[in-house]
């Protein structure tokens, strides 16, 4: 446990909803633009928007999401475009190093240049380096893999993973995404949104159940968020995946905004389940408070 975080018994980290966070007028998700809810449409959208660039970026998203080599026909079907149009997009991206064509099969995978952009993005996130020592201590004190994540619109995006030294390795790696509505870390990361902003964010979203504990609509999601907000942490068993457990807590910056979340997670067998609401919760909350303090957050007096 971090010894700079105050008493571990004072666990109710009360997160204050930010009254000054504006509602975002997010349009309904368009299948042509991916899963993330896009930004509000600019008044000159028709003049500024470049369809060819959007289609090229969608090709990268489709290949990345597949997790396996794809044929041109598969990508064309997903985009709703002709094979000849998709061939030109793939040729351009392959020429630039963003896609790679496998030998003999003519299937495409992500190319090495994608990593350059991804790593440059991660390098810009100072919070990763701030949090890493605490994640390592958390991993060592609990014996469970520790993670740091942020919210990217409707998704939880994992920025750091410190794997356990035992055999219970985490299946959440850097760059992994899970739906925010179905994830305990997602409920924490959504805590700063007003009720109307939450509705706008998930406008048109189908709440596909991952387990029987997945919220099925915005109202049930709001209830989970409210509980996370009140407690200042989430202890979960079988929420994101059957047979898995986690303990999550928020990272708060100096303005009082939830900017990230951490957790420890793994199979049930990685935990002493009798200590989920005790030792594990205390360790995660203490680590989250320590990271928040590094970002300039000062908890209000009880």
C-alpha atoms as a PDB file:
ATOM      1  CA  UNK A   1       0.000   0.000   0.000  1.00  0.00           C
ATOM      2  CA  UNK A   2       1.163   3.534  -0.728  1.00  0.00           C
ATOM      3  CA  UNK A   3       2.045   5.138   2.602  1.00  0.00           C
ATOM      4  CA  UNK A   4       1.433   8.701   1.417  1.00  0.00           C
ATOM      5  CA  UNK A   5      -2.287   8.296   0.797  1.00  0.00           C
ATOM      6  CA  UNK A   6      -3.797   8.717   4.243  1.00  0.00           C
ATOM      7  CA  UNK A   7      -5.650   6.077   6.184  1.00  0.00           C
ATOM      8  CA  UNK A   8      -6.885   3.164   4.136  1.00  0.00           C
ATOM      9  CA  UNK A   9     -10.039   2.893   6.203  1.00  0.00           C
ATOM     10  CA  UNK A  10     -11.390   6.219   4.882  1.00  0.00           C
ATOM     11  CA  UNK A  11     -12.553   4.772   1.589  1.00  0.00           C
ATOM     12  CA  UNK A  12     -15.449   6.915   0.452  1.00  0.00           C
ATOM     13  CA  UNK A  13     -13.685   9.064  -2.107  1.00  0.00           C
ATOM     14  CA  UNK A  14     -16.625  11.275  -2.997  1.00  0.00           C
ATOM     15  CA  UNK A  15     -16.436  12.380  -6.607  1.00  0.00           C
ATOM     16  CA  UNK A  16     -18.245  15.636  -7.237  1.00  0.00           C
ATOM     17  CA  UNK A  17     -20.075  15.857 -10.562  1.00  0.00           C
ATOM     18  CA  UNK A  18     -18.649  18.764 -12.515  1.00  0.00           C
ATOM     19  CA  UNK A  19     -21.398  21.315 -12.881  1.00  0.00           C
ATOM     20  CA  UNK A  20     -19.414  23.251 -15.462  1.00  0.00           C
ATOM     21  CA  UNK A  21     -19.000  20.359 -17.892  1.00  0.00           C
ATOM     22  CA  UNK A  22     -21.067  21.302 -20.943  1.00  0.00           C
ATOM     23  CA  UNK A  23     -23.423  18.856 -22.608  1.00  0.00           C
ATOM     24  CA  UNK A  24     -21.924  17.640 -25.837  1.00  0.00           C
ATOM     25  CA  UNK A  25     -24.282  17.585 -28.784  1.00  0.00           C
ATOM     26  CA  UNK A  26     -23.120  14.266 -30.123  1.00  0.00           C
ATOM     27  CA  UNK A  27     -24.922  13.014 -33.209  1.00  0.00           C
ATOM     28  CA  UNK A  28     -26.169   9.468 -33.403  1.00  0.00           C
ATOM     29  CA  UNK A  29     -23.467   6.959 -34.272  1.00  0.00           C
ATOM     30  CA  UNK A  30     -22.969   6.429 -37.988  1.00  0.00           C
ATOM     31  CA  UNK A  31     -21.875   2.981 -39.044  1.00  0.00           C
ATOM     32  CA  UNK A  32     -19.591   4.607 -41.590  1.00  0.00           C
ATOM     33  CA  UNK A  33     -17.569   6.302 -38.886  1.00  0.00           C
ATOM     34  CA  UNK A  34     -16.993   3.453 -36.455  1.00  0.00           C
ATOM     35  CA  UNK A  35     -18.151   2.767 -32.935  1.00  0.00           C
ATOM     36  CA  UNK A  36     -17.074   5.982 -31.262  1.00  0.00           C
ATOM     37  CA  UNK A  37     -19.595   8.781 -31.097  1.00  0.00           C
ATOM     38  CA  UNK A  38     -18.238  11.574 -33.333  1.00  0.00           C
ATOM     39  CA  UNK A  39     -17.858  15.213 -32.409  1.00  0.00           C
ATOM     40  CA  UNK A  40     -20.659  17.695 -33.004  1.00  0.00           C
ATOM     41  CA  UNK A  41     -21.007  18.493 -36.714  1.00  0.00           C
ATOM     42  CA  UNK A  42     -19.500  21.825 -37.716  1.00  0.00           C
ATOM     43  CA  UNK A  43     -21.741  24.243 -39.593  1.00  0.00           C
ATOM     44  CA  UNK A  44     -19.395  23.954 -42.603  1.00  0.00           C
ATOM     45  CA  UNK A  45     -19.119  20.160 -42.321  1.00  0.00           C
ATOM     46  CA  UNK A  46     -20.057  19.583 -45.979  1.00  0.00           C
ATOM     47  CA  UNK A  47     -17.238  21.839 -47.161  1.00  0.00           C
ATOM     48  CA  UNK A  48     -14.558  20.734 -44.697  1.00  0.00           C
ATOM     49  CA  UNK A  49     -15.156  16.984 -44.515  1.00  0.00           C
ATOM     50  CA  UNK A  50     -12.875  14.841 -46.758  1.00  0.00           C
ATOM     51  CA  UNK A  51     -14.679  11.561 -47.587  1.00  0.00           C
ATOM     52  CA  UNK A  52     -11.589   9.914 -49.083  1.00  0.00           C
ATOM     53  CA  UNK A  53      -9.576  10.486 -45.908  1.00  0.00           C
ATOM     54  CA  UNK A  54     -12.454   9.195 -43.791  1.00  0.00           C
ATOM     55  CA  UNK A  55     -12.677   6.008 -45.866  1.00  0.00           C
ATOM     56  CA  UNK A  56      -8.929   5.434 -45.564  1.00  0.00           C
ATOM     57  CA  UNK A  57      -9.036   5.808 -41.795  1.00  0.00           C
ATOM     58  CA  UNK A  58     -12.033   3.479 -41.621  1.00  0.00           C
ATOM     59  CA  UNK A  59      -9.991   0.832 -43.449  1.00  0.00           C
ATOM     60  CA  UNK A  60      -7.391   1.034 -40.677  1.00  0.00           C
ATOM     61  CA  UNK A  61     -10.099   0.782 -38.002  1.00  0.00           C
ATOM     62  CA  UNK A  62     -11.668  -2.255 -39.679  1.00  0.00           C
ATOM     63  CA  UNK A  63      -8.358  -4.095 -40.033  1.00  0.00           C
ATOM     64  CA  UNK A  64      -7.397  -3.239 -36.431  1.00  0.00           C
ATOM     65  CA  UNK A  65     -10.734  -4.415 -35.029  1.00  0.00           C
ATOM     66  CA  UNK A  66     -10.632  -7.717 -36.935  1.00  0.00           C
ATOM     67  CA  UNK A  67      -7.516  -8.953 -35.162  1.00  0.00           C
ATOM     68  CA  UNK A  68      -6.634 -11.120 -38.191  1.00  0.00           C
ATOM     69  CA  UNK A  69      -5.613 -10.610 -41.837  1.00  0.00           C
ATOM     70  CA  UNK A  70      -8.507  -9.474 -44.025  1.00  0.00           C
ATOM     71  CA  UNK A  71      -9.285  -9.870 -47.718  1.00  0.00           C
ATOM     72  CA  UNK A  72     -10.183  -6.872 -49.861  1.00  0.00           C
ATOM     73  CA  UNK A  73     -13.690  -8.287 -50.287  1.00  0.00           C
ATOM     74  CA  UNK A  74     -14.233  -8.357 -46.520  1.00  0.00           C
ATOM     75  CA  UNK A  75     -13.150  -4.738 -46.126  1.00  0.00           C
ATOM     76  CA  UNK A  76     -15.255  -3.667 -49.115  1.00  0.00           C
ATOM     77  CA  UNK A  77     -18.295  -5.390 -47.632  1.00  0.00           C
ATOM     78  CA  UNK A  78     -17.772  -3.666 -44.270  1.00  0.00           C
ATOM     79  CA  UNK A  79     -17.400  -0.256 -45.927  1.00  0.00           C
ATOM     80  CA  UNK A  80     -20.160  -0.753 -48.487  1.00  0.00           C
ATOM     81  CA  UNK A  81     -17.785   0.183 -51.310  1.00  0.00           C
ATOM     82  CA  UNK A  82     -16.685  -1.523 -54.517  1.00  0.00           C
ATOM     83  CA  UNK A  83     -13.583  -3.707 -54.504  1.00  0.00           C
ATOM     84  CA  UNK A  84     -11.849  -1.384 -56.936  1.00  0.00           C
ATOM     85  CA  UNK A  85     -12.351   1.600 -54.636  1.00  0.00           C
ATOM     86  CA  UNK A  86     -11.089  -0.340 -51.627  1.00  0.00           C
ATOM     87  CA  UNK A  87      -8.132  -1.650 -53.613  1.00  0.00           C
ATOM     88  CA  UNK A  88      -6.978   1.940 -54.232  1.00  0.00           C
ATOM     89  CA  UNK A  89      -7.358   2.808 -50.554  1.00  0.00           C
ATOM     90  CA  UNK A  90      -5.378  -0.267 -49.518  1.00  0.00           C
ATOM     91  CA  UNK A  91      -2.709   0.389 -52.122  1.00  0.00           C
ATOM     92  CA  UNK A  92      -2.187   3.921 -50.785  1.00  0.00           C
ATOM     93  CA  UNK A  93      -2.064   2.805 -47.156  1.00  0.00           C
ATOM     94  CA  UNK A  94       0.274  -0.067 -48.010  1.00  0.00           C
ATOM     95  CA  UNK A  95       2.555   2.283 -49.959  1.00  0.00           C
ATOM     96  CA  UNK A  96       2.771   4.534 -46.874  1.00  0.00           C
ATOM     97  CA  UNK A  97       3.469   1.639 -44.517  1.00  0.00           C
ATOM     98  CA  UNK A  98       0.145   1.710 -42.660  1.00  0.00           C
ATOM     99  CA  UNK A  99      -0.915  -1.662 -44.078  1.00  0.00           C
ATOM    100  CA  UNK A 100       1.044  -4.789 -44.915  1.00  0.00           C
ATOM    101  CA  UNK A 101       0.079  -7.418 -47.469  1.00  0.00           C
ATOM    102  CA  UNK A 102       0.875 -10.957 -46.398  1.00  0.00           C
ATOM    103  CA  UNK A 103       2.925 -13.042 -48.797  1.00  0.00           C
ATOM    104  CA  UNK A 104       1.032 -15.236 -51.269  1.00  0.00           C
ATOM    105  CA  UNK A 105      -2.372 -14.672 -49.640  1.00  0.00           C
ATOM    106  CA  UNK A 106      -3.003 -11.003 -50.613  1.00  0.00           C
ATOM    107  CA  UNK A 107      -4.558 -10.504 -47.183  1.00  0.00           C
ATOM    108  CA  UNK A 108      -3.814  -7.258 -45.355  1.00  0.00           C
ATOM    109  CA  UNK A 109      -2.780  -6.547 -41.771  1.00  0.00           C
ATOM    110  CA  UNK A 110      -1.709  -3.399 -39.980  1.00  0.00           C
ATOM    111  CA  UNK A 111       1.717  -2.119 -40.958  1.00  0.00           C
ATOM    112  CA  UNK A 112       4.541  -0.887 -38.713  1.00  0.00           C
ATOM    113  CA  UNK A 113       3.829   2.785 -39.342  1.00  0.00           C
ATOM    114  CA  UNK A 114       0.607   2.490 -37.342  1.00  0.00           C
ATOM    115  CA  UNK A 115       2.767   1.784 -34.280  1.00  0.00           C
ATOM    116  CA  UNK A 116       4.638   5.053 -34.759  1.00  0.00           C
ATOM    117  CA  UNK A 117       1.416   7.023 -34.368  1.00  0.00           C
ATOM    118  CA  UNK A 118       0.156   4.850 -31.523  1.00  0.00           C
ATOM    119  CA  UNK A 119       3.360   5.130 -29.527  1.00  0.00           C
ATOM    120  CA  UNK A 120       3.561   8.877 -30.179  1.00  0.00           C
ATOM    121  CA  UNK A 121       0.059   9.218 -28.732  1.00  0.00           C
ATOM    122  CA  UNK A 122       0.927   7.139 -25.687  1.00  0.00           C
ATOM    123  CA  UNK A 123       4.153   9.090 -25.167  1.00  0.00           C
ATOM    124  CA  UNK A 124       2.105  12.287 -24.986  1.00  0.00           C
ATOM    125  CA  UNK A 125       0.146  10.930 -22.020  1.00  0.00           C
ATOM    126  CA  UNK A 126       2.190  12.048 -19.015  1.00  0.00           C
ATOM    127  CA  UNK A 127      -0.222  10.234 -16.730  1.00  0.00           C
ATOM    128  CA  UNK A 128       1.228   6.889 -17.859  1.00  0.00           C
ATOM    129  CA  UNK A 129       4.651   7.676 -16.461  1.00  0.00           C
ATOM    130  CA  UNK A 130       3.147   9.224 -13.328  1.00  0.00           C
ATOM    131  CA  UNK A 131       1.026   6.163 -12.680  1.00  0.00           C
ATOM    132  CA  UNK A 132       3.473   3.388 -13.573  1.00  0.00           C
ATOM    133  CA  UNK A 133       5.363   3.257 -10.217  1.00  0.00           C
ATOM    134  CA  UNK A 134       2.061   3.026  -8.347  1.00  0.00           C
ATOM    135  CA  UNK A 135       0.758   0.362 -10.713  1.00  0.00           C
ATOM    136  CA  UNK A 136       3.906  -1.679 -10.139  1.00  0.00           C
ATOM    137  CA  UNK A 137       3.549  -1.336  -6.355  1.00  0.00           C
ATOM    138  CA  UNK A 138      -0.121  -2.259  -6.643  1.00  0.00           C
ATOM    139  CA  UNK A 139       0.747  -5.335  -8.693  1.00  0.00           C
ATOM    140  CA  UNK A 140       3.383  -6.372  -6.177  1.00  0.00           C
ATOM    141  CA  UNK A 141       1.191  -5.823  -3.110  1.00  0.00           C
ATOM    142  CA  UNK A 142      -1.833  -7.659  -4.507  1.00  0.00           C
ATOM    143  CA  UNK A 143      -0.258 -10.224  -6.826  1.00  0.00           C
ATOM    144  CA  UNK A 144      -2.770  -9.245  -9.535  1.00  0.00           C
ATOM    145  CA  UNK A 145      -2.241  -7.420 -12.851  1.00  0.00           C
ATOM    146  CA  UNK A 146      -2.801  -3.645 -12.637  1.00  0.00           C
ATOM    147  CA  UNK A 147      -4.093  -1.381 -15.394  1.00  0.00           C
ATOM    148  CA  UNK A 148      -4.566   2.291 -16.266  1.00  0.00           C
ATOM    149  CA  UNK A 149      -7.291   3.390 -18.675  1.00  0.00           C
ATOM    150  CA  UNK A 150      -9.041   6.462 -20.016  1.00  0.00           C
ATOM    151  CA  UNK A 151     -12.368   6.974 -21.742  1.00  0.00           C
ATOM    152  CA  UNK A 152     -12.366   7.456 -25.513  1.00  0.00           C
ATOM    153  CA  UNK A 153     -15.958   8.455 -26.190  1.00  0.00           C
ATOM    154  CA  UNK A 154     -17.955   5.221 -25.691  1.00  0.00           C
ATOM    155  CA  UNK A 155     -14.939   3.004 -25.072  1.00  0.00           C
ATOM    156  CA  UNK A 156     -12.528   2.320 -22.240  1.00  0.00           C
ATOM    157  CA  UNK A 157      -9.020   2.507 -23.710  1.00  0.00           C
ATOM    158  CA  UNK A 158      -6.205   0.772 -21.818  1.00  0.00           C
ATOM    159  CA  UNK A 159      -3.023   2.869 -21.666  1.00  0.00           C
ATOM    160  CA  UNK A 160      -0.872   0.744 -19.350  1.00  0.00           C
ATOM    161  CA  UNK A 161      -0.799  -2.849 -18.143  1.00  0.00           C
ATOM    162  CA  UNK A 162       1.560  -4.114 -15.448  1.00  0.00           C
ATOM    163  CA  UNK A 163       1.341  -7.872 -15.613  1.00  0.00           C
ATOM    164  CA  UNK A 164       1.400 -10.012 -12.498  1.00  0.00           C
ATOM    165  CA  UNK A 165       4.499 -12.058 -11.785  1.00  0.00           C
ATOM    166  CA  UNK A 166       2.311 -15.111 -11.226  1.00  0.00           C
ATOM    167  CA  UNK A 167       0.771 -17.240 -13.948  1.00  0.00           C
ATOM    168  CA  UNK A 168      -2.523 -15.325 -13.984  1.00  0.00           C
ATOM    169  CA  UNK A 169      -1.759 -12.972 -16.881  1.00  0.00           C
ATOM    170  CA  UNK A 170      -4.207 -10.267 -17.868  1.00  0.00           C
ATOM    171  CA  UNK A 171      -5.862 -10.381 -21.278  1.00  0.00           C
ATOM    172  CA  UNK A 172      -6.124  -6.573 -21.297  1.00  0.00           C
ATOM    173  CA  UNK A 173      -3.073  -5.102 -22.998  1.00  0.00           C
ATOM    174  CA  UNK A 174      -2.078  -1.587 -24.033  1.00  0.00           C
ATOM    175  CA  UNK A 175      -4.525  -0.464 -26.710  1.00  0.00           C
ATOM    176  CA  UNK A 176      -7.296  -2.857 -25.663  1.00  0.00           C
ATOM    177  CA  UNK A 177     -10.797  -1.413 -25.776  1.00  0.00           C
ATOM    178  CA  UNK A 178     -14.001  -2.453 -24.052  1.00  0.00           C
ATOM    179  CA  UNK A 179     -17.432  -0.793 -24.108  1.00  0.00           C
ATOM    180  CA  UNK A 180     -17.669   1.777 -21.329  1.00  0.00           C
ATOM    181  CA  UNK A 181     -21.289   0.848 -20.576  1.00  0.00           C
ATOM    182  CA  UNK A 182     -20.267  -2.749 -19.773  1.00  0.00           C
ATOM    183  CA  UNK A 183     -17.113  -2.043 -17.752  1.00  0.00           C
ATOM    184  CA  UNK A 184     -16.676  -1.082 -14.084  1.00  0.00           C
ATOM    185  CA  UNK A 185     -13.836   1.225 -15.132  1.00  0.00           C
ATOM    186  CA  UNK A 186     -16.186   2.680 -17.724  1.00  0.00           C
ATOM    187  CA  UNK A 187     -18.775   3.491 -15.056  1.00  0.00           C
ATOM    188  CA  UNK A 188     -16.103   5.394 -13.145  1.00  0.00           C
ATOM    189  CA  UNK A 189     -14.878   7.217 -16.252  1.00  0.00           C
ATOM    190  CA  UNK A 190     -18.420   8.306 -17.153  1.00  0.00           C
ATOM    191  CA  UNK A 191     -18.993   9.869 -13.731  1.00  0.00           C
ATOM    192  CA  UNK A 192     -18.241  13.428 -14.860  1.00  0.00           C
ATOM    193  CA  UNK A 193     -20.989  13.487 -17.489  1.00  0.00           C
ATOM    194  CA  UNK A 194     -24.300  15.148 -16.745  1.00  0.00           C
ATOM    195  CA  UNK A 195     -27.470  13.129 -17.285  1.00  0.00           C
ATOM    196  CA  UNK A 196     -28.180  14.823 -20.607  1.00  0.00           C
ATOM    197  CA  UNK A 197     -24.590  14.385 -21.809  1.00  0.00           C
ATOM    198  CA  UNK A 198     -24.764  10.686 -20.919  1.00  0.00           C
ATOM    199  CA  UNK A 199     -27.946  10.300 -22.964  1.00  0.00           C
ATOM    200  CA  UNK A 200     -26.386  12.141 -25.897  1.00  0.00           C
ATOM    201  CA  UNK A 201     -23.244  10.027 -25.764  1.00  0.00           C
ATOM    202  CA  UNK A 202     -25.178   6.765 -25.978  1.00  0.00           C
ATOM    203  CA  UNK A 203     -27.867   7.982 -28.375  1.00  0.00           C
ATOM    204  CA  UNK A 204     -28.580   5.109 -30.733  1.00  0.00           C
ATOM    205  CA  UNK A 205     -26.235   2.732 -28.891  1.00  0.00           C
ATOM    206  CA  UNK A 206     -27.270  -0.906 -28.589  1.00  0.00           C
ATOM    207  CA  UNK A 207     -26.290  -2.182 -25.155  1.00  0.00           C
ATOM    208  CA  UNK A 208     -25.110  -5.621 -26.206  1.00  0.00           C
ATOM    209  CA  UNK A 209     -24.841  -7.744 -23.048  1.00  0.00           C
ATOM    210  CA  UNK A 210     -21.402  -9.197 -22.317  1.00  0.00           C
ATOM    211  CA  UNK A 211     -22.674 -10.917 -19.160  1.00  0.00           C
ATOM    212  CA  UNK A 212     -25.942 -10.999 -17.262  1.00  0.00           C
ATOM    213  CA  UNK A 213     -24.675  -7.990 -15.262  1.00  0.00           C
ATOM    214  CA  UNK A 214     -24.315  -5.673 -18.273  1.00  0.00           C
ATOM    215  CA  UNK A 215     -26.574  -2.582 -18.100  1.00  0.00           C
ATOM    216  CA  UNK A 216     -29.241  -2.852 -20.790  1.00  0.00           C
ATOM    217  CA  UNK A 217     -30.063   0.830 -21.224  1.00  0.00           C
ATOM    218  CA  UNK A 218     -28.978   4.336 -20.231  1.00  0.00           C
ATOM    219  CA  UNK A 219     -31.145   4.320 -17.100  1.00  0.00           C
ATOM    220  CA  UNK A 220     -29.521   1.160 -15.696  1.00  0.00           C
ATOM    221  CA  UNK A 221     -26.094   2.475 -16.723  1.00  0.00           C
ATOM    222  CA  UNK A 222     -26.783   5.727 -14.868  1.00  0.00           C
ATOM    223  CA  UNK A 223     -27.601   3.732 -11.733  1.00  0.00           C
ATOM    224  CA  UNK A 224     -24.245   1.923 -11.932  1.00  0.00           C
ATOM    225  CA  UNK A 225     -22.441   5.222 -12.451  1.00  0.00           C
ATOM    226  CA  UNK A 226     -24.230   6.764  -9.480  1.00  0.00           C
ATOM    227  CA  UNK A 227     -23.193   3.869  -7.247  1.00  0.00           C
ATOM    228  CA  UNK A 228     -19.569   4.143  -8.394  1.00  0.00           C
ATOM    229  CA  UNK A 229     -19.691   7.889  -7.800  1.00  0.00           C
ATOM    230  CA  UNK A 230     -21.036   7.430  -4.287  1.00  0.00           C
ATOM    231  CA  UNK A 231     -18.571   4.731  -3.250  1.00  0.00           C
ATOM    232  CA  UNK A 232     -15.481   6.071  -4.993  1.00  0.00           C
ATOM    233  CA  UNK A 233     -14.599   2.584  -6.273  1.00  0.00           C
ATOM    234  CA  UNK A 234     -16.160  -0.498  -7.892  1.00  0.00           C
ATOM    235  CA  UNK A 235     -15.629  -4.059  -6.733  1.00  0.00           C
ATOM    236  CA  UNK A 236     -16.879  -6.451  -9.386  1.00  0.00           C
ATOM    237  CA  UNK A 237     -17.188 -10.169  -9.955  1.00  0.00           C
ATOM    238  CA  UNK A 238     -18.223 -11.493 -13.342  1.00  0.00           C
ATOM    239  CA  UNK A 239     -19.298  -8.101 -14.676  1.00  0.00           C
ATOM    240  CA  UNK A 240     -17.117  -7.802 -17.771  1.00  0.00           C
ATOM    241  CA  UNK A 241     -16.394 -11.505 -18.144  1.00  0.00           C
ATOM    242  CA  UNK A 242     -17.674 -14.580 -16.357  1.00  0.00           C
ATOM    243  CA  UNK A 243     -15.127 -15.958 -13.945  1.00  0.00           C
ATOM    244  CA  UNK A 244     -13.262 -12.671 -13.708  1.00  0.00           C
ATOM    245  CA  UNK A 245     -12.976 -10.140 -10.887  1.00  0.00           C
ATOM    246  CA  UNK A 246     -11.698  -6.597 -10.561  1.00  0.00           C
ATOM    247  CA  UNK A 247     -11.402  -3.618  -8.251  1.00  0.00           C
ATOM    248  CA  UNK A 248     -11.419  -0.172  -9.874  1.00  0.00           C
ATOM    249  CA  UNK A 249     -10.939   3.403  -8.641  1.00  0.00           C
ATOM    250  CA  UNK A 250     -10.816   6.875 -10.244  1.00  0.00           C
ATOM    251  CA  UNK A 251      -7.850   9.103 -10.994  1.00  0.00           C
ATOM    252  CA  UNK A 252      -8.798  12.748 -10.400  1.00  0.00           C
ATOM    253  CA  UNK A 253      -6.883  15.822 -11.534  1.00  0.00           C
ATOM    254  CA  UNK A 254      -6.431  19.125  -9.732  1.00  0.00           C
ATOM    255  CA  UNK A 255      -9.715  20.493 -11.109  1.00  0.00           C
ATOM    256  CA  UNK A 256     -11.649  17.576  -9.607  1.00  0.00           C
ATOM    257  CA  UNK A 257     -12.278  15.911 -12.966  1.00  0.00           C
ATOM    258  CA  UNK A 258     -12.038  12.148 -13.413  1.00  0.00           C
ATOM    259  CA  UNK A 259      -9.319  11.815 -16.062  1.00  0.00           C
ATOM    260  CA  UNK A 260      -8.497   8.110 -15.818  1.00  0.00           C
ATOM    261  CA  UNK A 261      -9.105   4.984 -13.784  1.00  0.00           C
ATOM    262  CA  UNK A 262      -6.993   2.140 -12.477  1.00  0.00           C
ATOM    263  CA  UNK A 263      -7.874  -1.402 -11.579  1.00  0.00           C
ATOM    264  CA  UNK A 264      -6.548  -4.788 -10.682  1.00  0.00           C
ATOM    265  CA  UNK A 265      -8.215  -7.551 -12.632  1.00  0.00           C
ATOM    266  CA  UNK A 266      -7.841 -11.205 -13.437  1.00  0.00           C
ATOM    267  CA  UNK A 267      -9.526 -14.576 -13.095  1.00  0.00           C
ATOM    268  CA  UNK A 268     -11.253 -15.330  -9.800  1.00  0.00           C
ATOM    269  CA  UNK A 269      -8.452 -17.759  -9.011  1.00  0.00           C
ATOM    270  CA  UNK A 270      -5.972 -14.843  -8.888  1.00  0.00           C
ATOM    271  CA  UNK A 271      -7.781 -13.353  -5.872  1.00  0.00           C
ATOM    272  CA  UNK A 272      -8.553 -14.283  -2.313  1.00  0.00           C
ATOM    273  CA  UNK A 273     -12.220 -13.494  -2.903  1.00  0.00           C
ATOM    274  CA  UNK A 274     -12.917 -13.038   0.810  1.00  0.00           C
ATOM    275  CA  UNK A 275     -10.693  -9.930   0.727  1.00  0.00           C
ATOM    276  CA  UNK A 276     -12.263  -8.174  -2.276  1.00  0.00           C
ATOM    277  CA  UNK A 277     -14.036  -5.565  -0.110  1.00  0.00           C
ATOM    278  CA  UNK A 278     -11.107  -5.350   2.273  1.00  0.00           C
ATOM    279  CA  UNK A 279      -7.444  -5.576   1.367  1.00  0.00           C
ATOM    280  CA  UNK A 280      -7.790  -5.381  -2.419  1.00  0.00           C
ATOM    281  CA  UNK A 281     -10.180  -2.438  -2.250  1.00  0.00           C
ATOM    282  CA  UNK A 282      -7.925  -0.612   0.207  1.00  0.00           C
ATOM    283  CA  UNK A 283      -4.847  -1.109  -1.970  1.00  0.00           C
ATOM    284  CA  UNK A 284      -6.515   0.090  -5.183  1.00  0.00           C
ATOM    285  CA  UNK A 285      -8.148   3.126  -3.589  1.00  0.00           C
ATOM    286  CA  UNK A 286      -4.882   4.112  -1.908  1.00  0.00           C
ATOM    287  CA  UNK A 287      -2.958   3.810  -5.189  1.00  0.00           C
ATOM    288  CA  UNK A 288      -5.596   5.865  -7.020  1.00  0.00           C
ATOM    289  CA  UNK A 289      -5.408   8.591  -4.389  1.00  0.00           C
ATOM    290  CA  UNK A 290      -1.631   8.671  -4.607  1.00  0.00           C
ATOM    291  CA  UNK A 291      -1.715   9.096  -8.397  1.00  0.00           C
ATOM    292  CA  UNK A 292      -4.430  11.749  -8.070  1.00  0.00           C
ATOM    293  CA  UNK A 293      -2.263  13.633  -5.578  1.00  0.00           C
ATOM    294  CA  UNK A 294       0.553  13.643  -8.137  1.00  0.00           C
ATOM    295  CA  UNK A 295      -1.860  15.354 -10.535  1.00  0.00           C
ATOM    296  CA  UNK A 296      -2.564  18.051  -7.931  1.00  0.00           C
ATOM    297  CA  UNK A 297      -5.862  16.750  -6.565  1.00  0.00           C
ATOM    298  CA  UNK A 298      -6.583  17.487  -2.913  1.00  0.00           C
ATOM    299  CA  UNK A 299      -9.401  15.555  -1.335  1.00  0.00           C
ATOM    300  CA  UNK A 300     -11.912  17.695   0.534  1.00  0.00           C
ATOM    301  CA  UNK A 301     -11.961  17.303   4.281  1.00  0.00           C
ATOM    302  CA  UNK A 302     -14.510  14.729   5.476  1.00  0.00           C
END
